Amino acid sequence: KEILVAVMTAPDHFKARKAFRKVWSEYKKSGLVKEPFWKGVTLKFFIGTTTSNRSPNLEPTIEAEANDNGDIVRLNNLQESYFNLTRKTREIIIWGKENGYKGIF
């Protein structure tokens, strides 16, 4: 594992994550950057915990998306909030280091 591309995302931003995955995939296939580069790069979306009153179907939908795509990391010790973005950044860096990434962007 070399480089982690960490994307902070809100729990209910399903369409944005889908669009990001599509662009990321198309860029990889475009040949603009040669294949060896991509072998060391991983894309992950980071989502904190949500409150159950936001939407009763939110957690199961996120769980299904995570299972389907394998690119969502849940930060279980972080309540999702605009005011926690600095803490979220810190948690992402910690997660990246604990999981063996040498660079985190």
C-alpha atoms as a PDB file:
ATOM      1  CA  LYS A   1       0.000   0.000   0.000  1.00  0.00           C
ATOM      2  CA  GLU A   2       1.460   3.269  -1.061  1.00  0.00           C
ATOM      3  CA  ILE A   3      -1.030   6.108  -1.449  1.00  0.00           C
ATOM      4  CA  LEU A   4      -4.478   6.574   0.045  1.00  0.00           C
ATOM      5  CA  VAL A   5      -6.833   9.003  -1.663  1.00  0.00           C
ATOM      6  CA  ALA A   6      -9.189   9.808   1.215  1.00  0.00           C
ATOM      7  CA  VAL A   7     -12.529  11.393   0.373  1.00  0.00           C
ATOM      8  CA  MET A   8     -14.535  12.958   3.187  1.00  0.00           C
ATOM      9  CA  THR A   9     -18.178  12.454   2.424  1.00  0.00           C
ATOM     10  CA  ALA A  10     -21.496  13.008   4.134  1.00  0.00           C
ATOM     11  CA  PRO A  11     -23.487   9.865   4.869  1.00  0.00           C
ATOM     12  CA  ASP A  12     -26.341  10.735   2.509  1.00  0.00           C
ATOM     13  CA  HIS A  13     -24.187  11.790  -0.473  1.00  0.00           C
ATOM     14  CA  PHE A  14     -24.779   8.565  -2.413  1.00  0.00           C
ATOM     15  CA  LYS A  15     -24.962  10.242  -5.828  1.00  0.00           C
ATOM     16  CA  ALA A  16     -21.722  12.153  -5.257  1.00  0.00           C
ATOM     17  CA  ARG A  17     -19.855   8.969  -4.313  1.00  0.00           C
ATOM     18  CA  LYS A  18     -21.266   7.180  -7.360  1.00  0.00           C
ATOM     19  CA  ALA A  19     -20.156  10.051  -9.625  1.00  0.00           C
ATOM     20  CA  PHE A  20     -16.698  10.105  -8.027  1.00  0.00           C
ATOM     21  CA  ARG A  21     -16.311   6.349  -8.572  1.00  0.00           C
ATOM     22  CA  LYS A  22     -17.343   6.711 -12.214  1.00  0.00           C
ATOM     23  CA  VAL A  23     -14.873   9.532 -12.919  1.00  0.00           C
ATOM     24  CA  TRP A  24     -12.104   7.717 -11.020  1.00  0.00           C
ATOM     25  CA  SER A  25     -12.707   4.536 -13.026  1.00  0.00           C
ATOM     26  CA  GLU A  26     -12.827   6.359 -16.361  1.00  0.00           C
ATOM     27  CA  TYR A  27      -9.628   8.246 -15.578  1.00  0.00           C
ATOM     28  CA  LYS A  28      -7.851   5.008 -14.696  1.00  0.00           C
ATOM     29  CA  LYS A  29      -8.985   3.442 -17.976  1.00  0.00           C
ATOM     30  CA  SER A  30      -8.089   6.524 -20.040  1.00  0.00           C
ATOM     31  CA  GLY A  31      -4.385   5.750 -20.163  1.00  0.00           C
ATOM     32  CA  LEU A  32      -3.441   9.317 -19.213  1.00  0.00           C
ATOM     33  CA  VAL A  33      -1.547   7.833 -16.276  1.00  0.00           C
ATOM     34  CA  LYS A  34       0.152   4.494 -16.881  1.00  0.00           C
ATOM     35  CA  GLU A  35      -1.032   1.330 -15.124  1.00  0.00           C
ATOM     36  CA  PRO A  36       1.915   0.818 -12.722  1.00  0.00           C
ATOM     37  CA  PHE A  37       0.983   4.060 -10.963  1.00  0.00           C
ATOM     38  CA  TRP A  38      -2.509   2.816 -10.075  1.00  0.00           C
ATOM     39  CA  LYS A  39      -1.253  -0.349  -8.371  1.00  0.00           C
ATOM     40  CA  GLY A  40      -0.158   1.670  -5.353  1.00  0.00           C
ATOM     41  CA  VAL A  41      -3.170   3.997  -5.160  1.00  0.00           C
ATOM     42  CA  THR A  42      -6.345   3.273  -3.198  1.00  0.00           C
ATOM     43  CA  LEU A  43      -9.527   5.348  -3.103  1.00  0.00           C
ATOM     44  CA  LYS A  44     -11.626   5.285   0.086  1.00  0.00           C
ATOM     45  CA  PHE A  45     -14.647   7.262   1.245  1.00  0.00           C
ATOM     46  CA  PHE A  46     -14.785   8.099   4.948  1.00  0.00           C
ATOM     47  CA  ILE A  47     -18.059   8.380   6.850  1.00  0.00           C
ATOM     48  CA  GLY A  48     -18.608   8.908  10.567  1.00  0.00           C
ATOM     49  CA  THR A  49     -21.526   7.679  12.620  1.00  0.00           C
ATOM     50  CA  THR A  50     -25.002   9.044  12.038  1.00  0.00           C
ATOM     51  CA  THR A  51     -27.970   9.667  14.283  1.00  0.00           C
ATOM     52  CA  SER A  52     -30.943   7.401  13.720  1.00  0.00           C
ATOM     53  CA  ASN A  53     -33.311  10.354  13.428  1.00  0.00           C
ATOM     54  CA  ARG A  54     -31.714  11.543  10.142  1.00  0.00           C
ATOM     55  CA  SER A  55     -33.299   8.756   8.166  1.00  0.00           C
ATOM     56  CA  PRO A  56     -34.238   5.261   9.296  1.00  0.00           C
ATOM     57  CA  ASN A  57     -32.937   3.750   6.041  1.00  0.00           C
ATOM     58  CA  LEU A  58     -29.630   5.633   5.982  1.00  0.00           C
ATOM     59  CA  GLU A  59     -27.453   3.120   7.846  1.00  0.00           C
ATOM     60  CA  PRO A  60     -28.678   0.027   5.946  1.00  0.00           C
ATOM     61  CA  THR A  61     -28.227   1.871   2.640  1.00  0.00           C
ATOM     62  CA  ILE A  62     -24.659   2.894   3.534  1.00  0.00           C
ATOM     63  CA  GLU A  63     -23.939  -0.674   4.636  1.00  0.00           C
ATOM     64  CA  ALA A  64     -25.209  -2.048   1.317  1.00  0.00           C
ATOM     65  CA  GLU A  65     -23.141   0.501  -0.623  1.00  0.00           C
ATOM     66  CA  ALA A  66     -20.058  -0.431   1.414  1.00  0.00           C
ATOM     67  CA  ASN A  67     -20.594  -4.128   0.703  1.00  0.00           C
ATOM     68  CA  ASP A  68     -21.162  -3.506  -3.012  1.00  0.00           C
ATOM     69  CA  ASN A  69     -18.146  -1.250  -3.564  1.00  0.00           C
ATOM     70  CA  GLY A  70     -15.650  -2.089  -0.823  1.00  0.00           C
ATOM     71  CA  ASP A  71     -14.419   1.492  -0.657  1.00  0.00           C
ATOM     72  CA  ILE A  72     -16.216   2.940   2.376  1.00  0.00           C
ATOM     73  CA  VAL A  73     -14.522   3.249   5.752  1.00  0.00           C
ATOM     74  CA  ARG A  74     -16.752   3.893   8.750  1.00  0.00           C
ATOM     75  CA  LEU A  75     -15.205   6.029  11.472  1.00  0.00           C
ATOM     76  CA  ASN A  76     -17.193   4.563  14.343  1.00  0.00           C
ATOM     77  CA  ASN A  77     -15.741   6.844  16.996  1.00  0.00           C
ATOM     78  CA  LEU A  78     -16.660  10.028  15.115  1.00  0.00           C
ATOM     79  CA  GLN A  79     -20.099  11.620  15.034  1.00  0.00           C
ATOM     80  CA  GLU A  80     -20.752  12.950  11.537  1.00  0.00           C
ATOM     81  CA  SER A  81     -20.954  16.767  11.703  1.00  0.00           C
ATOM     82  CA  TYR A  82     -19.648  19.800   9.860  1.00  0.00           C
ATOM     83  CA  PHE A  83     -18.084  20.880  13.155  1.00  0.00           C
ATOM     84  CA  ASN A  84     -16.094  17.622  13.330  1.00  0.00           C
ATOM     85  CA  LEU A  85     -14.279  17.996  10.001  1.00  0.00           C
ATOM     86  CA  THR A  86     -10.912  18.690  11.647  1.00  0.00           C
ATOM     87  CA  ARG A  87     -11.344  15.644  13.851  1.00  0.00           C
ATOM     88  CA  LYS A  88     -12.442  13.622  10.814  1.00  0.00           C
ATOM     89  CA  THR A  89      -9.223  14.598   9.023  1.00  0.00           C
ATOM     90  CA  ARG A  90      -7.226  13.432  12.037  1.00  0.00           C
ATOM     91  CA  GLU A  91      -9.104  10.114  12.173  1.00  0.00           C
ATOM     92  CA  ILE A  92      -8.482   9.535   8.455  1.00  0.00           C
ATOM     93  CA  ILE A  93      -4.741  10.091   8.906  1.00  0.00           C
ATOM     94  CA  ILE A  94      -4.669   7.710  11.868  1.00  0.00           C
ATOM     95  CA  TRP A  95      -6.628   5.082   9.901  1.00  0.00           C
ATOM     96  CA  GLY A  96      -4.281   5.447   6.920  1.00  0.00           C
ATOM     97  CA  LYS A  97      -1.164   5.032   9.034  1.00  0.00           C
ATOM     98  CA  GLU A  98      -2.631   2.071  10.946  1.00  0.00           C
ATOM     99  CA  ASN A  99      -3.454   0.404   7.643  1.00  0.00           C
ATOM    100  CA  GLY A 100       0.018   0.801   6.176  1.00  0.00           C
ATOM    101  CA  TYR A 101      -0.357   3.700   3.742  1.00  0.00           C
ATOM    102  CA  LYS A 102       2.774   5.752   3.139  1.00  0.00           C
ATOM    103  CA  GLY A 103       0.986   8.811   1.728  1.00  0.00           C
ATOM    104  CA  ILE A 104      -2.481  10.147   2.430  1.00  0.00           C
ATOM    105  CA  PHE A 105      -4.182  12.702   0.200  1.00  0.00           C
END
